[in-house]
PDB file of N, CA and C in Angstrom:
ATOM      1  N   UNK A   1      21.989   0.996  68.161  1.00  0.00           N
ATOM      2  CA  UNK A   1      22.185   2.000  68.865  1.00  0.00           C
ATOM      3  C   UNK A   1      21.284   3.187  67.905  1.00  0.00           C
ATOM      4  N   UNK A   2      20.716   3.982  68.801  1.00  0.00           N
ATOM      5  CA  UNK A   2      19.714   4.918  68.517  1.00  0.00           C
ATOM      6  C   UNK A   2      20.280   5.909  67.877  1.00  0.00           C
ATOM      7  N   UNK A   3      19.506   6.528  66.810  1.00  0.00           N
ATOM      8  CA  UNK A   3      19.898   7.630  65.689  1.00  0.00           C
ATOM      9  C   UNK A   3      20.347   8.898  66.085  1.00  0.00           C
ATOM     10  N   UNK A   4      20.139   9.269  67.436  1.00  0.00           N
ATOM     11  CA  UNK A   4      20.331  10.505  68.105  1.00  0.00           C
ATOM     12  C   UNK A   4      21.949  10.232  68.618  1.00  0.00           C
ATOM     13  N   UNK A   5      22.485   8.784  68.908  1.00  0.00           N
ATOM     14  CA  UNK A   5      23.590   8.993  69.583  1.00  0.00           C
ATOM     15  C   UNK A   5      24.752   8.559  68.717  1.00  0.00           C
ATOM     16  N   UNK A   6      26.002   8.969  69.188  1.00  0.00           N
ATOM     17  CA  UNK A   6      27.110   9.139  68.251  1.00  0.00           C
ATOM     18  C   UNK A   6      28.330   8.157  69.283  1.00  0.00           C
ATOM     19  N   UNK A   7      28.565   7.419  68.278  1.00  0.00           N
ATOM     20  CA  UNK A   7      29.931   6.461  69.027  1.00  0.00           C
ATOM     21  C   UNK A   7      31.042   7.104  68.978  1.00  0.00           C
ATOM     22  N   UNK A   8      31.644   7.140  70.295  1.00  0.00           N
ATOM     23  CA  UNK A   8      32.809   7.799  70.198  1.00  0.00           C
ATOM     24  C   UNK A   8      34.034   6.667  70.778  1.00  0.00           C
ATOM     25  N   UNK A   9      35.398   7.152  70.686  1.00  0.00           N
ATOM     26  CA  UNK A   9      36.252   6.407  71.096  1.00  0.00           C
ATOM     27  C   UNK A   9      37.212   7.360  71.775  1.00  0.00           C
ATOM     28  N   UNK A  10      38.089   7.002  72.850  1.00  0.00           N
ATOM     29  CA  UNK A  10      38.831   8.228  73.556  1.00  0.00           C
ATOM     30  C   UNK A  10      40.358   7.388  73.219  1.00  0.00           C
ATOM     31  N   UNK A  11      41.156   8.517  73.029  1.00  0.00           N
ATOM     32  CA  UNK A  11      42.359   8.606  72.550  1.00  0.00           C
ATOM     33  C   UNK A  11      43.337   9.172  73.203  1.00  0.00           C
ATOM     34  N   UNK A  12      44.552   8.590  73.714  1.00  0.00           N
ATOM     35  CA  UNK A  12      45.461   9.166  74.739  1.00  0.00           C
ATOM     36  C   UNK A  12      45.842  10.285  73.939  1.00  0.00           C
ATOM     37  N   UNK A  13      46.572  11.285  74.221  1.00  0.00           N
ATOM     38  CA  UNK A  13      47.271  12.681  73.881  1.00  0.00           C
ATOM     39  C   UNK A  13      47.903  13.412  74.958  1.00  0.00           C
ATOM     40  N   UNK A  14      49.029  12.865  74.582  1.00  0.00           N
ATOM     41  CA  UNK A  14      50.045  13.868  75.524  1.00  0.00           C
ATOM     42  C   UNK A  14      50.535  14.913  75.307  1.00  0.00           C
ATOM     43  N   UNK A  15      49.498  16.283  75.468  1.00  0.00           N
ATOM     44  CA  UNK A  15      50.056  17.640  75.233  1.00  0.00           C
ATOM     45  C   UNK A  15      50.053  18.406  76.190  1.00  0.00           C
ATOM     46  N   UNK A  16      51.205  18.552  76.522  1.00  0.00           N
ATOM     47  CA  UNK A  16      51.630  19.330  77.868  1.00  0.00           C
ATOM     48  C   UNK A  16      51.333  20.876  78.112  1.00  0.00           C
ATOM     49  N   UNK A  17      51.131  21.327  76.787  1.00  0.00           N
ATOM     50  CA  UNK A  17      51.004  22.845  77.081  1.00  0.00           C
ATOM     51  C   UNK A  17      49.544  23.035  76.029  1.00  0.00           C
ATOM     52  N   UNK A  18      48.573  23.383  76.927  1.00  0.00           N
ATOM     53  CA  UNK A  18      47.420  23.597  76.270  1.00  0.00           C
ATOM     54  C   UNK A  18      47.393  24.906  75.296  1.00  0.00           C
ATOM     55  N   UNK A  19      48.192  25.772  75.435  1.00  0.00           N
ATOM     56  CA  UNK A  19      48.244  27.005  74.652  1.00  0.00           C
ATOM     57  C   UNK A  19      49.207  26.731  73.184  1.00  0.00           C
ATOM     58  N   UNK A  20      50.133  25.733  73.390  1.00  0.00           N
ATOM     59  CA  UNK A  20      50.682  25.421  72.063  1.00  0.00           C
ATOM     60  C   UNK A  20      49.619  24.587  71.497  1.00  0.00           C
ATOM     61  N   UNK A  21      48.706  23.652  72.315  1.00  0.00           N
ATOM     62  CA  UNK A  21      47.983  22.827  71.495  1.00  0.00           C
ATOM     63  C   UNK A  21      46.516  23.567  70.542  1.00  0.00           C
ATOM     64  N   UNK A  22      46.067  24.408  71.129  1.00  0.00           N
ATOM     65  CA  UNK A  22      45.184  25.450  70.683  1.00  0.00           C
ATOM     66  C   UNK A  22      45.334  26.333  69.203  1.00  0.00           C
ATOM     67  N   UNK A  23      47.071  26.515  69.676  1.00  0.00           N
ATOM     68  CA  UNK A  23      47.260  27.279  68.620  1.00  0.00           C
ATOM     69  C   UNK A  23      47.820  26.337  67.186  1.00  0.00           C
ATOM     70  N   UNK A  24      47.926  24.900  67.494  1.00  0.00           N
ATOM     71  CA  UNK A  24      48.221  24.114  66.769  1.00  0.00           C
ATOM     72  C   UNK A  24      46.704  23.740  66.123  1.00  0.00           C
ATOM     73  N   UNK A  25      45.650  23.655  66.716  1.00  0.00           N
ATOM     74  CA  UNK A  25      44.264  23.457  66.075  1.00  0.00           C
ATOM     75  C   UNK A  25      43.655  24.627  65.203  1.00  0.00           C
ATOM     76  N   UNK A  26      44.128  25.809  65.737  1.00  0.00           N
ATOM     77  CA  UNK A  26      44.102  27.105  65.029  1.00  0.00           C
ATOM     78  C   UNK A  26      44.822  27.134  63.636  1.00  0.00           C
ATOM     79  N   UNK A  27      45.867  26.616  63.576  1.00  0.00           N
ATOM     80  CA  UNK A  27      46.918  26.515  62.406  1.00  0.00           C
ATOM     81  C   UNK A  27      46.436  25.685  61.456  1.00  0.00           C
ATOM     82  N   UNK A  28      45.644  24.501  61.692  1.00  0.00           N
ATOM     83  CA  UNK A  28      44.932  23.626  60.803  1.00  0.00           C
ATOM     84  C   UNK A  28      43.600  24.317  60.523  1.00  0.00           C
ATOM     85  N   UNK A  29      43.444  25.139  60.768  1.00  0.00           N
ATOM     86  CA  UNK A  29      42.093  26.047  60.460  1.00  0.00           C
ATOM     87  C   UNK A  29      40.606  25.541  61.011  1.00  0.00           C
ATOM     88  N   UNK A  30      40.946  24.901  62.372  1.00  0.00           N
ATOM     89  CA  UNK A  30      39.719  24.361  63.278  1.00  0.00           C
ATOM     90  C   UNK A  30      39.608  25.639  64.183  1.00  0.00           C
ATOM     91  N   UNK A  31      38.296  25.475  64.409  1.00  0.00           N
ATOM     92  CA  UNK A  31      37.926  26.206  65.780  1.00  0.00           C
ATOM     93  C   UNK A  31      38.111  25.677  67.206  1.00  0.00           C
ATOM     94  N   UNK A  32      38.567  26.465  68.070  1.00  0.00           N
ATOM     95  CA  UNK A  32      38.698  26.017  69.609  1.00  0.00           C
ATOM     96  C   UNK A  32      38.144  26.760  70.398  1.00  0.00           C
ATOM     97  N   UNK A  33      37.257  25.909  71.618  1.00  0.00           N
ATOM     98  CA  UNK A  33      36.557  26.640  72.448  1.00  0.00           C
ATOM     99  C   UNK A  33      37.191  26.139  73.583  1.00  0.00           C
ATOM    100  N   UNK A  34      37.640  27.162  74.573  1.00  0.00           N
ATOM    101  CA  UNK A  34      37.996  26.991  75.908  1.00  0.00           C
ATOM    102  C   UNK A  34      36.980  26.501  76.723  1.00  0.00           C
ATOM    103  N   UNK A  35      36.969  25.187  77.438  1.00  0.00           N
ATOM    104  CA  UNK A  35      36.229  24.953  78.562  1.00  0.00           C
ATOM    105  C   UNK A  35      36.593  24.406  79.899  1.00  0.00           C
ATOM    106  N   UNK A  36      37.315  25.457  80.594  1.00  0.00           N
ATOM    107  CA  UNK A  36      37.765  25.141  81.781  1.00  0.00           C
ATOM    108  C   UNK A  36      39.377  24.754  81.418  1.00  0.00           C
ATOM    109  N   UNK A  37      39.712  23.317  81.899  1.00  0.00           N
ATOM    110  CA  UNK A  37      40.726  22.750  81.693  1.00  0.00           C
ATOM    111  C   UNK A  37      40.913  22.099  80.236  1.00  0.00           C
ATOM    112  N   UNK A  38      39.621  21.843  79.550  1.00  0.00           N
ATOM    113  CA  UNK A  38      39.341  21.263  78.377  1.00  0.00           C
ATOM    114  C   UNK A  38      39.582  22.211  77.054  1.00  0.00           C
ATOM    115  N   UNK A  39      39.319  21.415  76.012  1.00  0.00           N
ATOM    116  CA  UNK A  39      39.111  22.275  74.801  1.00  0.00           C
ATOM    117  C   UNK A  39      38.062  21.666  73.976  1.00  0.00           C
ATOM    118  N   UNK A  40      37.380  22.312  73.426  1.00  0.00           N
ATOM    119  CA  UNK A  40      36.450  21.572  72.307  1.00  0.00           C
ATOM    120  C   UNK A  40      36.612  22.366  70.828  1.00  0.00           C
ATOM    121  N   UNK A  41      37.179  21.469  69.980  1.00  0.00           N
ATOM    122  CA  UNK A  41      37.780  21.912  68.955  1.00  0.00           C
ATOM    123  C   UNK A  41      36.601  21.392  67.621  1.00  0.00           C
ATOM    124  N   UNK A  42      36.464  22.133  66.976  1.00  0.00           N
ATOM    125  CA  UNK A  42      35.400  21.702  65.693  1.00  0.00           C
ATOM    126  C   UNK A  42      36.297  22.014  64.359  1.00  0.00           C
ATOM    127  N   UNK A  43      36.243  20.718  63.725  1.00  0.00           N
ATOM    128  CA  UNK A  43      36.949  20.913  62.281  1.00  0.00           C
ATOM    129  C   UNK A  43      35.934  21.870  61.365  1.00  0.00           C
ATOM    130  N   UNK A  44      36.379  22.107  60.081  1.00  0.00           N
ATOM    131  CA  UNK A  44      35.321  22.914  59.095  1.00  0.00           C
ATOM    132  C   UNK A  44      34.682  21.841  58.783  1.00  0.00           C
ATOM    133  N   UNK A  45      35.032  20.862  58.667  1.00  0.00           N
ATOM    134  CA  UNK A  45      33.608  19.610  58.393  1.00  0.00           C
ATOM    135  C   UNK A  45      32.536  19.261  59.357  1.00  0.00           C
ATOM    136  N   UNK A  46      32.743  19.833  60.875  1.00  0.00           N
ATOM    137  CA  UNK A  46      32.059  19.783  61.694  1.00  0.00           C
ATOM    138  C   UNK A  46      32.145  18.878  62.696  1.00  0.00           C
ATOM    139  N   UNK A  47      33.270  18.007  62.541  1.00  0.00           N
ATOM    140  CA  UNK A  47      33.700  17.154  63.409  1.00  0.00           C
ATOM    141  C   UNK A  47      33.767  17.745  64.981  1.00  0.00           C
ATOM    142  N   UNK A  48      33.634  17.343  65.812  1.00  0.00           N
ATOM    143  CA  UNK A  48      34.178  17.884  66.932  1.00  0.00           C
ATOM    144  C   UNK A  48      34.790  16.793  68.076  1.00  0.00           C
ATOM    145  N   UNK A  49      35.935  17.629  68.579  1.00  0.00           N
ATOM    146  CA  UNK A  49      36.945  16.778  69.555  1.00  0.00           C
ATOM    147  C   UNK A  49      36.986  17.546  70.538  1.00  0.00           C
ATOM    148  N   UNK A  50      36.800  16.839  72.096  1.00  0.00           N
ATOM    149  CA  UNK A  50      36.804  17.081  73.225  1.00  0.00           C
ATOM    150  C   UNK A  50      38.078  16.606  73.780  1.00  0.00           C
ATOM    151  N   UNK A  51      38.975  17.457  74.210  1.00  0.00           N
ATOM    152  CA  UNK A  51      40.388  17.445  74.423  1.00  0.00           C
ATOM    153  C   UNK A  51      40.388  17.847  76.091  1.00  0.00           C
ATOM    154  N   UNK A  52      40.581  16.721  76.919  1.00  0.00           N
ATOM    155  CA  UNK A  52      40.830  16.751  78.392  1.00  0.00           C
ATOM    156  C   UNK A  52      42.115  16.605  78.439  1.00  0.00           C
ATOM    157  N   UNK A  53      42.945  16.762  79.675  1.00  0.00           N
ATOM    158  CA  UNK A  53      44.312  16.619  79.854  1.00  0.00           C
ATOM    159  C   UNK A  53      44.836  15.177  79.910  1.00  0.00           C
ATOM    160  N   UNK A  54      45.259  14.527  78.829  1.00  0.00           N
ATOM    161  CA  UNK A  54      45.497  13.510  78.738  1.00  0.00           C
ATOM    162  C   UNK A  54      44.815  12.621  77.523  1.00  0.00           C
ATOM    163  N   UNK A  55      43.996  13.155  77.046  1.00  0.00           N
ATOM    164  CA  UNK A  55      42.944  12.196  76.111  1.00  0.00           C
ATOM    165  C   UNK A  55      41.970  13.080  75.107  1.00  0.00           C
ATOM    166  N   UNK A  56      41.694  12.750  74.314  1.00  0.00           N
ATOM    167  CA  UNK A  56      40.606  13.034  73.364  1.00  0.00           C
ATOM    168  C   UNK A  56      39.322  12.070  73.046  1.00  0.00           C
ATOM    169  N   UNK A  57      38.352  12.578  73.199  1.00  0.00           N
ATOM    170  CA  UNK A  57      36.964  11.877  72.701  1.00  0.00           C
ATOM    171  C   UNK A  57      36.888  12.333  71.391  1.00  0.00           C
ATOM    172  N   UNK A  58      36.583  11.451  70.549  1.00  0.00           N
ATOM    173  CA  UNK A  58      36.350  11.957  69.136  1.00  0.00           C
ATOM    174  C   UNK A  58      35.159  10.846  68.399  1.00  0.00           C
ATOM    175  N   UNK A  59      34.555  11.098  67.664  1.00  0.00           N
ATOM    176  CA  UNK A  59      33.756  10.325  67.097  1.00  0.00           C
ATOM    177  C   UNK A  59      34.273   8.929  66.351  1.00  0.00           C
ATOM    178  N   UNK A  60      33.929   7.706  66.347  1.00  0.00           N
ATOM    179  CA  UNK A  60      34.590   6.288  65.971  1.00  0.00           C
ATOM    180  C   UNK A  60      34.605   6.808  64.569  1.00  0.00           C
ATOM    181  N   UNK A  61      35.733   6.340  64.249  1.00  0.00           N
ATOM    182  CA  UNK A  61      36.300   6.354  62.658  1.00  0.00           C
ATOM    183  C   UNK A  61      37.016   7.720  62.399  1.00  0.00           C
ATOM    184  N   UNK A  62      37.069   8.520  63.104  1.00  0.00           N
ATOM    185  CA  UNK A  62      37.444   9.785  62.987  1.00  0.00           C
ATOM    186  C   UNK A  62      38.988   9.949  63.523  1.00  0.00           C
ATOM    187  N   UNK A  63      39.836   8.836  64.058  1.00  0.00           N
ATOM    188  CA  UNK A  63      41.006   8.876  64.583  1.00  0.00           C
ATOM    189  C   UNK A  63      41.999   9.470  64.039  1.00  0.00           C
ATOM    190  N   UNK A  64      41.954   9.699  62.691  1.00  0.00           N
ATOM    191  CA  UNK A  64      43.050  10.240  61.773  1.00  0.00           C
ATOM    192  C   UNK A  64      43.327  11.691  62.040  1.00  0.00           C
ATOM    193  N   UNK A  65      42.004  12.413  62.753  1.00  0.00           N
ATOM    194  CA  UNK A  65      42.293  13.529  63.191  1.00  0.00           C
ATOM    195  C   UNK A  65      43.142  13.905  64.455  1.00  0.00           C
ATOM    196  N   UNK A  66      42.942  12.877  65.308  1.00  0.00           N
ATOM    197  CA  UNK A  66      43.913  12.973  66.542  1.00  0.00           C
ATOM    198  C   UNK A  66      45.445  13.166  66.194  1.00  0.00           C
ATOM    199  N   UNK A  67      45.471  12.292  65.149  1.00  0.00           N
ATOM    200  CA  UNK A  67      46.828  12.036  64.400  1.00  0.00           C
ATOM    201  C   UNK A  67      47.433  13.598  63.824  1.00  0.00           C
ATOM    202  N   UNK A  68      46.589  14.017  63.063  1.00  0.00           N
ATOM    203  CA  UNK A  68      46.808  15.517  62.435  1.00  0.00           C
ATOM    204  C   UNK A  68      46.798  16.585  63.324  1.00  0.00           C
ATOM    205  N   UNK A  69      46.300  16.651  64.471  1.00  0.00           N
ATOM    206  CA  UNK A  69      46.482  17.390  65.675  1.00  0.00           C
ATOM    207  C   UNK A  69      47.730  17.166  66.541  1.00  0.00           C
ATOM    208  N   UNK A  70      48.488  15.897  66.535  1.00  0.00           N
ATOM    209  CA  UNK A  70      49.627  15.411  67.329  1.00  0.00           C
ATOM    210  C   UNK A  70      50.675  16.183  66.093  1.00  0.00           C
ATOM    211  N   UNK A  71      50.656  16.138  65.044  1.00  0.00           N
ATOM    212  CA  UNK A  71      51.514  16.673  64.047  1.00  0.00           C
ATOM    213  C   UNK A  71      51.538  18.149  64.166  1.00  0.00           C
ATOM    214  N   UNK A  72      50.531  18.712  64.050  1.00  0.00           N
ATOM    215  CA  UNK A  72      50.633  20.242  64.368  1.00  0.00           C
ATOM    216  C   UNK A  72      50.926  20.667  65.513  1.00  0.00           C
ATOM    217  N   UNK A  73      50.604  19.963  66.882  1.00  0.00           N
ATOM    218  CA  UNK A  73      51.300  20.149  67.672  1.00  0.00           C
ATOM    219  C   UNK A  73      52.610  20.401  68.028  1.00  0.00           C
ATOM    220  N   UNK A  74      53.150  19.226  67.487  1.00  0.00           N
ATOM    221  CA  UNK A  74      54.962  18.936  67.147  1.00  0.00           C
ATOM    222  C   UNK A  74      55.390  20.140  66.500  1.00  0.00           C
ATOM    223  N   UNK A  75      54.811  20.669  65.717  1.00  0.00           N
ATOM    224  CA  UNK A  75      54.862  21.858  64.638  1.00  0.00           C
ATOM    225  C   UNK A  75      55.382  22.925  65.452  1.00  0.00           C
ATOM    226  N   UNK A  76      54.056  23.143  66.485  1.00  0.00           N
ATOM    227  CA  UNK A  76      54.181  24.461  67.112  1.00  0.00           C
ATOM    228  C   UNK A  76      55.355  24.155  68.275  1.00  0.00           C
ATOM    229  N   UNK A  77      55.410  23.291  68.926  1.00  0.00           N
ATOM    230  CA  UNK A  77      56.675  22.816  69.833  1.00  0.00           C
ATOM    231  C   UNK A  77      58.020  23.505  68.776  1.00  0.00           C
ATOM    232  N   UNK A  78      58.198  22.671  67.678  1.00  0.00           N
ATOM    233  CA  UNK A  78      59.062  23.216  67.173  1.00  0.00           C
ATOM    234  C   UNK A  78      59.347  24.579  67.113  1.00  0.00           C
ATOM    235  N   UNK A  79      58.258  25.395  66.851  1.00  0.00           N
ATOM    236  CA  UNK A  79      58.355  26.887  66.148  1.00  0.00           C
ATOM    237  C   UNK A  79      58.611  27.419  67.634  1.00  0.00           C
ATOM    238  N   UNK A  80      58.119  27.270  68.859  1.00  0.00           N
ATOM    239  CA  UNK A  80      58.037  27.796  69.914  1.00  0.00           C
ATOM    240  C   UNK A  80      59.782  27.601  70.366  1.00  0.00           C
ATOM    241  N   UNK A  81      60.318  26.627  70.633  1.00  0.00           N
ATOM    242  CA  UNK A  81      61.693  26.426  70.886  1.00  0.00           C
ATOM    243  C   UNK A  81      62.715  27.098  69.872  1.00  0.00           C
ATOM    244  N   UNK A  82      62.359  26.856  68.623  1.00  0.00           N
ATOM    245  CA  UNK A  82      63.266  27.621  67.520  1.00  0.00           C
ATOM    246  C   UNK A  82      63.421  29.274  68.074  1.00  0.00           C
ATOM    247  N   UNK A  83      62.144  29.779  68.607  1.00  0.00           N
ATOM    248  CA  UNK A  83      62.261  30.918  68.433  1.00  0.00           C
ATOM    249  C   UNK A  83      62.803  31.624  69.667  1.00  0.00           C
ATOM    250  N   UNK A  84      62.634  30.612  70.738  1.00  0.00           N
ATOM    251  CA  UNK A  84      63.139  31.164  71.955  1.00  0.00           C
ATOM    252  C   UNK A  84      64.979  31.205  71.793  1.00  0.00           C
ATOM    253  N   UNK A  85      65.336  30.484  70.920  1.00  0.00           N
ATOM    254  CA  UNK A  85      66.808  30.646  70.362  1.00  0.00           C
ATOM    255  C   UNK A  85      67.217  31.011  69.603  1.00  0.00           C
ATOM    256  N   UNK A  86      66.268  32.047  68.523  1.00  0.00           N
ATOM    257  CA  UNK A  86      66.804  32.567  67.502  1.00  0.00           C
ATOM    258  C   UNK A  86      66.885  32.008  65.963  1.00  0.00           C
ATOM    259  N   UNK A  87      66.165  30.988  66.276  1.00  0.00           N
ATOM    260  CA  UNK A  87      66.067  30.228  64.936  1.00  0.00           C
ATOM    261  C   UNK A  87      64.432  30.074  64.156  1.00  0.00           C
ATOM    262  N   UNK A  88      64.381  29.951  62.926  1.00  0.00           N
ATOM    263  CA  UNK A  88      63.111  29.926  62.164  1.00  0.00           C
ATOM    264  C   UNK A  88      62.962  28.250  61.954  1.00  0.00           C
ATOM    265  N   UNK A  89      61.700  27.752  61.772  1.00  0.00           N
ATOM    266  CA  UNK A  89      61.449  26.489  61.309  1.00  0.00           C
ATOM    267  C   UNK A  89      60.409  26.754  59.786  1.00  0.00           C
ATOM    268  N   UNK A  90      61.082  25.601  58.913  1.00  0.00           N
ATOM    269  CA  UNK A  90      60.527  25.990  57.638  1.00  0.00           C
ATOM    270  C   UNK A  90      60.096  24.545  57.132  1.00  0.00           C
ATOM    271  N   UNK A  91      59.181  24.742  56.425  1.00  0.00           N
ATOM    272  CA  UNK A  91      58.487  23.226  56.538  1.00  0.00           C
ATOM    273  C   UNK A  91      59.221  22.994  54.791  1.00  0.00           C
ATOM    274  N   UNK A  92      59.584  21.879  54.651  1.00  0.00           N
ATOM    275  CA  UNK A  92      60.075  21.696  53.224  1.00  0.00           C
ATOM    276  C   UNK A  92      59.230  20.476  52.421  1.00  0.00           C
ATOM    277  N   UNK A  93      58.179  20.266  52.773  1.00  0.00           N
ATOM    278  CA  UNK A  93      57.316  19.312  51.961  1.00  0.00           C
ATOM    279  C   UNK A  93      55.621  19.951  52.387  1.00  0.00           C
ATOM    280  N   UNK A  94      54.595  19.460  51.585  1.00  0.00           N
ATOM    281  CA  UNK A  94      53.271  19.731  51.811  1.00  0.00           C
ATOM    282  C   UNK A  94      52.604  19.353  53.063  1.00  0.00           C
ATOM    283  N   UNK A  95      53.337  18.427  53.600  1.00  0.00           N
ATOM    284  CA  UNK A  95      52.522  17.292  54.548  1.00  0.00           C
ATOM    285  C   UNK A  95      53.028  17.964  55.862  1.00  0.00           C
ATOM    286  N   UNK A  96      54.116  18.746  55.934  1.00  0.00           N
ATOM    287  CA  UNK A  96      54.731  19.464  57.043  1.00  0.00           C
ATOM    288  C   UNK A  96      55.589  18.610  57.839  1.00  0.00           C
ATOM    289  N   UNK A  97      55.973  17.709  57.205  1.00  0.00           N
ATOM    290  CA  UNK A  97      56.695  16.465  58.120  1.00  0.00           C
ATOM    291  C   UNK A  97      58.393  16.369  57.951  1.00  0.00           C
ATOM    292  N   UNK A  98      58.934  17.481  57.325  1.00  0.00           N
ATOM    293  CA  UNK A  98      60.259  17.577  56.860  1.00  0.00           C
ATOM    294  C   UNK A  98      60.784  18.871  57.413  1.00  0.00           C
ATOM    295  N   UNK A  99      61.482  19.329  58.166  1.00  0.00           N
ATOM    296  CA  UNK A  99      61.707  20.422  58.594  1.00  0.00           C
ATOM    297  C   UNK A  99      63.189  21.287  58.191  1.00  0.00           C
ATOM    298  N   UNK A 100      63.298  22.755  57.954  1.00  0.00           N
ATOM    299  CA  UNK A 100      64.467  22.805  57.997  1.00  0.00           C
ATOM    300  C   UNK A 100      64.641  24.023  59.372  1.00  0.00           C
ATOM    301  N   UNK A 101      65.582  24.171  60.124  1.00  0.00           N
ATOM    302  CA  UNK A 101      65.952  25.071  60.914  1.00  0.00           C
ATOM    303  C   UNK A 101      66.999  25.891  60.360  1.00  0.00           C
ATOM    304  N   UNK A 102      67.055  27.279  60.256  1.00  0.00           N
ATOM    305  CA  UNK A 102      67.875  28.114  59.867  1.00  0.00           C
ATOM    306  C   UNK A 102      67.833  29.427  60.963  1.00  0.00           C
ATOM    307  N   UNK A 103      69.059  29.796  61.118  1.00  0.00           N
ATOM    308  CA  UNK A 103      69.679  31.109  61.956  1.00  0.00           C
ATOM    309  C   UNK A 103      70.246  31.972  61.434  1.00  0.00           C
ATOM    310  N   UNK A 104      69.750  33.170  61.347  1.00  0.00           N
ATOM    311  CA  UNK A 104      70.369  34.547  60.609  1.00  0.00           C
ATOM    312  C   UNK A 104      70.893  35.390  61.739  1.00  0.00           C
TER     313      UNK A 104
END
């Protein structure tokens, strides 16, 4: 493969709400650019993800970034739904994989 080409892979991403996906990426400290119905997301390391409805195109070998984005998206969904009902979501670990819901 010529040196100016990048090998990419396409990964399925079931994200129904583009606004929450954008907020999830920004929560990770990633930069998001809206491009019509798609998003172009750049990580602080300079890796670019191209998100279109239903899939993500990413450089081969960087698939774990999609998993990171999926976790952040799930957290945004929890935050949005919890706030609709007057609850707060708090992470109980540094990986943000365990949560406590509180209502005051």
